[in-house]
Amino acid sequence: MKQFAPCPKCQSANAQQVSFTWWGGVLGPKLFTHVKCQSCGAKYNGKTGKNNTTNIVLYFAVVAIIVFAISFGFMLIRAL
């Protein structure tokens, strides 16, 4: 069992890594060591013990920009 930072909400050391999220699929939670406290249900960064909201927003923005760029590229190619 991996050791994660204590929960920022209840200070419990009983956390489990999240395997899938709506915002990051399978990759996002692994990138940010996204864990869920088994005592209170809070989700946070298992390495730092801090909230992952900033990481989630940045991850979501980067993915959206990549998808937009690929879509725009296909539109340009199709217009030729």
N, C-alpha and C. Protein backbone atom coordinates (compact mmCIF):
# COMPACT_ATOMS: atom_id res chain seq x y z
N MET A 1 0.83 -1.18 0.00
CA MET A 1 0.00 0.00 0.00
C MET A 1 0.88 1.25 0.00
N LYS A 2 0.56 2.21 -0.87
CA LYS A 2 1.33 3.45 -0.95
C LYS A 2 0.99 4.36 0.21
N GLN A 3 1.97 5.15 0.61
CA GLN A 3 1.75 6.15 1.64
C GLN A 3 1.48 7.49 0.96
N PHE A 4 0.38 8.12 1.31
CA PHE A 4 0.02 9.42 0.76
C PHE A 4 0.00 10.46 1.88
N ALA A 5 0.05 11.72 1.48
CA ALA A 5 -0.03 12.82 2.44
C ALA A 5 -1.35 12.73 3.20
N PRO A 6 -1.38 13.19 4.44
CA PRO A 6 -2.63 13.17 5.20
C PRO A 6 -3.69 14.06 4.57
N CYS A 7 -4.92 13.71 4.76
CA CYS A 7 -6.05 14.45 4.21
C CYS A 7 -6.05 15.89 4.76
N PRO A 8 -6.19 16.89 3.88
CA PRO A 8 -6.21 18.27 4.35
C PRO A 8 -7.49 18.63 5.12
N LYS A 9 -8.52 17.80 4.98
CA LYS A 9 -9.80 18.09 5.62
C LYS A 9 -9.90 17.45 7.02
N CYS A 10 -9.54 16.17 7.12
CA CYS A 10 -9.71 15.46 8.40
C CYS A 10 -8.40 14.92 8.98
N GLN A 11 -7.28 15.11 8.28
CA GLN A 11 -5.94 14.67 8.71
C GLN A 11 -5.76 13.16 8.76
N SER A 12 -6.70 12.41 8.18
CA SER A 12 -6.57 10.96 8.15
C SER A 12 -5.48 10.56 7.16
N ALA A 13 -4.78 9.48 7.45
CA ALA A 13 -3.73 8.97 6.56
C ALA A 13 -4.27 7.85 5.67
N ASN A 14 -5.57 7.61 5.72
CA ASN A 14 -6.19 6.53 4.98
C ASN A 14 -6.74 7.04 3.64
N ALA A 15 -5.90 7.04 2.59
CA ALA A 15 -6.31 7.51 1.28
C ALA A 15 -6.04 6.44 0.23
N GLN A 16 -6.82 6.48 -0.82
CA GLN A 16 -6.67 5.52 -1.91
C GLN A 16 -6.61 6.29 -3.23
N GLN A 17 -5.72 5.87 -4.11
CA GLN A 17 -5.58 6.56 -5.40
C GLN A 17 -6.84 6.39 -6.23
N VAL A 18 -7.26 7.49 -6.85
CA VAL A 18 -8.41 7.47 -7.74
C VAL A 18 -7.94 6.95 -9.09
N SER A 19 -8.69 6.03 -9.69
CA SER A 19 -8.25 5.43 -10.95
C SER A 19 -8.87 6.08 -12.18
N PHE A 20 -9.99 6.80 -12.03
CA PHE A 20 -10.66 7.42 -13.18
C PHE A 20 -11.44 8.65 -12.71
N THR A 21 -11.38 9.73 -13.50
CA THR A 21 -12.17 10.93 -13.22
C THR A 21 -12.79 11.44 -14.52
N TRP A 22 -13.83 12.25 -14.41
CA TRP A 22 -14.47 12.82 -15.60
C TRP A 22 -13.54 13.81 -16.29
N TRP A 23 -12.69 14.48 -15.53
CA TRP A 23 -11.83 15.52 -16.10
C TRP A 23 -10.53 14.98 -16.67
N GLY A 24 -10.09 13.84 -16.23
CA GLY A 24 -8.78 13.36 -16.68
C GLY A 24 -8.76 11.93 -17.15
N GLY A 25 -9.94 11.30 -17.18
CA GLY A 25 -9.97 9.91 -17.60
C GLY A 25 -9.10 9.05 -16.71
N VAL A 26 -8.22 8.27 -17.32
CA VAL A 26 -7.32 7.39 -16.58
C VAL A 26 -5.98 8.08 -16.34
N LEU A 27 -5.56 8.96 -17.25
CA LEU A 27 -4.25 9.60 -17.18
C LEU A 27 -4.16 10.71 -16.14
N GLY A 28 -5.15 11.58 -16.08
CA GLY A 28 -5.12 12.73 -15.17
C GLY A 28 -4.87 12.40 -13.71
N PRO A 29 -5.62 11.47 -13.14
CA PRO A 29 -5.40 11.14 -11.73
C PRO A 29 -4.00 10.60 -11.44
N LYS A 30 -3.43 9.90 -12.41
CA LYS A 30 -2.08 9.36 -12.22
C LYS A 30 -1.04 10.50 -12.28
N LEU A 31 -1.25 11.45 -13.19
CA LEU A 31 -0.33 12.58 -13.32
C LEU A 31 -0.24 13.40 -12.04
N PHE A 32 -1.37 13.60 -11.38
CA PHE A 32 -1.44 14.48 -10.22
C PHE A 32 -1.58 13.74 -8.90
N THR A 33 -1.35 12.42 -8.90
CA THR A 33 -1.50 11.61 -7.69
C THR A 33 -2.79 11.98 -6.97
N HIS A 34 -3.89 11.93 -7.71
CA HIS A 34 -5.21 12.31 -7.19
C HIS A 34 -5.72 11.16 -6.32
N VAL A 35 -5.93 11.44 -5.03
CA VAL A 35 -6.38 10.42 -4.10
C VAL A 35 -7.68 10.84 -3.42
N LYS A 36 -8.36 9.85 -2.86
CA LYS A 36 -9.60 10.10 -2.13
C LYS A 36 -9.43 9.57 -0.70
N CYS A 37 -9.74 10.44 0.25
CA CYS A 37 -9.69 10.06 1.66
C CYS A 37 -10.81 9.06 1.93
N GLN A 38 -10.46 7.94 2.53
CA GLN A 38 -11.45 6.91 2.84
C GLN A 38 -12.27 7.25 4.07
N SER A 39 -11.84 8.23 4.83
CA SER A 39 -12.57 8.63 6.03
C SER A 39 -13.64 9.67 5.76
N CYS A 40 -13.28 10.74 5.00
CA CYS A 40 -14.24 11.83 4.80
C CYS A 40 -14.65 12.03 3.34
N GLY A 41 -13.95 11.36 2.40
CA GLY A 41 -14.31 11.46 0.99
C GLY A 41 -13.66 12.61 0.24
N ALA A 42 -12.83 13.41 0.90
CA ALA A 42 -12.15 14.53 0.22
C ALA A 42 -11.17 13.99 -0.81
N LYS A 43 -11.04 14.70 -1.93
CA LYS A 43 -10.08 14.32 -2.97
C LYS A 43 -9.01 15.40 -3.03
N TYR A 44 -7.74 14.96 -3.14
CA TYR A 44 -6.62 15.88 -3.09
C TYR A 44 -5.38 15.26 -3.70
N ASN A 45 -4.29 16.04 -3.77
CA ASN A 45 -3.02 15.56 -4.29
C ASN A 45 -2.34 14.74 -3.21
N GLY A 46 -2.10 13.47 -3.50
CA GLY A 46 -1.52 12.56 -2.51
C GLY A 46 -0.06 12.83 -2.19
N LYS A 47 0.64 13.58 -3.05
CA LYS A 47 2.04 13.91 -2.77
C LYS A 47 2.15 15.15 -1.88
N THR A 48 1.36 16.17 -2.20
CA THR A 48 1.49 17.45 -1.49
C THR A 48 0.46 17.62 -0.37
N GLY A 49 -0.66 16.92 -0.45
CA GLY A 49 -1.72 17.10 0.53
C GLY A 49 -2.58 18.32 0.24
N LYS A 50 -2.38 18.93 -0.93
CA LYS A 50 -3.13 20.13 -1.30
C LYS A 50 -4.22 19.80 -2.30
N ASN A 51 -5.12 20.74 -2.49
CA ASN A 51 -6.20 20.60 -3.45
C ASN A 51 -5.63 20.53 -4.87
N ASN A 52 -6.23 19.73 -5.73
CA ASN A 52 -5.78 19.58 -7.11
C ASN A 52 -6.53 20.49 -8.08
N THR A 53 -7.34 21.42 -7.61
CA THR A 53 -8.18 22.23 -8.49
C THR A 53 -7.37 22.96 -9.55
N THR A 54 -6.28 23.61 -9.17
CA THR A 54 -5.45 24.34 -10.15
C THR A 54 -4.89 23.38 -11.19
N ASN A 55 -4.40 22.23 -10.76
CA ASN A 55 -3.87 21.24 -11.69
C ASN A 55 -4.95 20.76 -12.65
N ILE A 56 -6.16 20.55 -12.13
CA ILE A 56 -7.27 20.07 -12.94
C ILE A 56 -7.64 21.10 -14.00
N VAL A 57 -7.73 22.37 -13.60
CA VAL A 57 -8.07 23.44 -14.55
C VAL A 57 -7.01 23.54 -15.64
N LEU A 58 -5.74 23.51 -15.26
CA LEU A 58 -4.66 23.57 -16.26
C LEU A 58 -4.67 22.37 -17.19
N TYR A 59 -4.87 21.20 -16.64
CA TYR A 59 -4.93 19.97 -17.44
C TYR A 59 -6.07 20.05 -18.44
N PHE A 60 -7.24 20.47 -17.95
CA PHE A 60 -8.41 20.59 -18.81
C PHE A 60 -8.18 21.62 -19.91
N ALA A 61 -7.55 22.75 -19.57
CA ALA A 61 -7.27 23.81 -20.56
C ALA A 61 -6.29 23.32 -21.62
N VAL A 62 -5.24 22.64 -21.22
CA VAL A 62 -4.25 22.14 -22.18
C VAL A 62 -4.89 21.12 -23.12
N VAL A 63 -5.69 20.22 -22.59
CA VAL A 63 -6.37 19.23 -23.43
C VAL A 63 -7.31 19.93 -24.41
N ALA A 64 -8.05 20.94 -23.93
CA ALA A 64 -8.98 21.68 -24.80
C ALA A 64 -8.22 22.40 -25.91
N ILE A 65 -7.08 23.00 -25.59
CA ILE A 65 -6.27 23.69 -26.61
C ILE A 65 -5.75 22.70 -27.64
N ILE A 66 -5.30 21.55 -27.20
CA ILE A 66 -4.80 20.53 -28.14
C ILE A 66 -5.92 20.06 -29.06
N VAL A 67 -7.09 19.80 -28.49
CA VAL A 67 -8.23 19.35 -29.31
C VAL A 67 -8.63 20.44 -30.30
N PHE A 68 -8.65 21.70 -29.86
CA PHE A 68 -8.98 22.81 -30.73
C PHE A 68 -7.96 22.92 -31.87
N ALA A 69 -6.67 22.82 -31.54
CA ALA A 69 -5.62 22.92 -32.55
C ALA A 69 -5.72 21.81 -33.59
N ILE A 70 -5.99 20.60 -33.14
CA ILE A 70 -6.13 19.48 -34.07
C ILE A 70 -7.36 19.69 -34.96
N SER A 71 -8.46 20.12 -34.37
CA SER A 71 -9.69 20.37 -35.14
C SER A 71 -9.46 21.48 -36.16
N PHE A 72 -8.80 22.56 -35.74
CA PHE A 72 -8.51 23.68 -36.64
C PHE A 72 -7.59 23.22 -37.77
N GLY A 73 -6.61 22.38 -37.44
CA GLY A 73 -5.71 21.85 -38.47
C GLY A 73 -6.46 21.02 -39.50
N PHE A 74 -7.38 20.19 -39.06
CA PHE A 74 -8.17 19.40 -40.00
C PHE A 74 -9.05 20.30 -40.87
N MET A 75 -9.58 21.36 -40.28
CA MET A 75 -10.40 22.29 -41.06
C MET A 75 -9.57 22.98 -42.13
N LEU A 76 -8.34 23.37 -41.80
CA LEU A 76 -7.45 24.01 -42.76
C LEU A 76 -7.08 23.06 -43.89
N ILE A 77 -6.77 21.83 -43.54
CA ILE A 77 -6.40 20.83 -44.54
C ILE A 77 -7.59 20.56 -45.47
N ARG A 78 -8.76 20.47 -44.89
CA ARG A 78 -9.96 20.21 -45.68
C ARG A 78 -10.28 21.37 -46.63
N ALA A 79 -9.97 22.59 -46.22
CA ALA A 79 -10.25 23.77 -47.04
C ALA A 79 -9.33 23.85 -48.26
N LEU A 80 -8.20 23.16 -48.20
CA LEU A 80 -7.25 23.21 -49.32
C LEU A 80 -7.70 22.42 -50.49
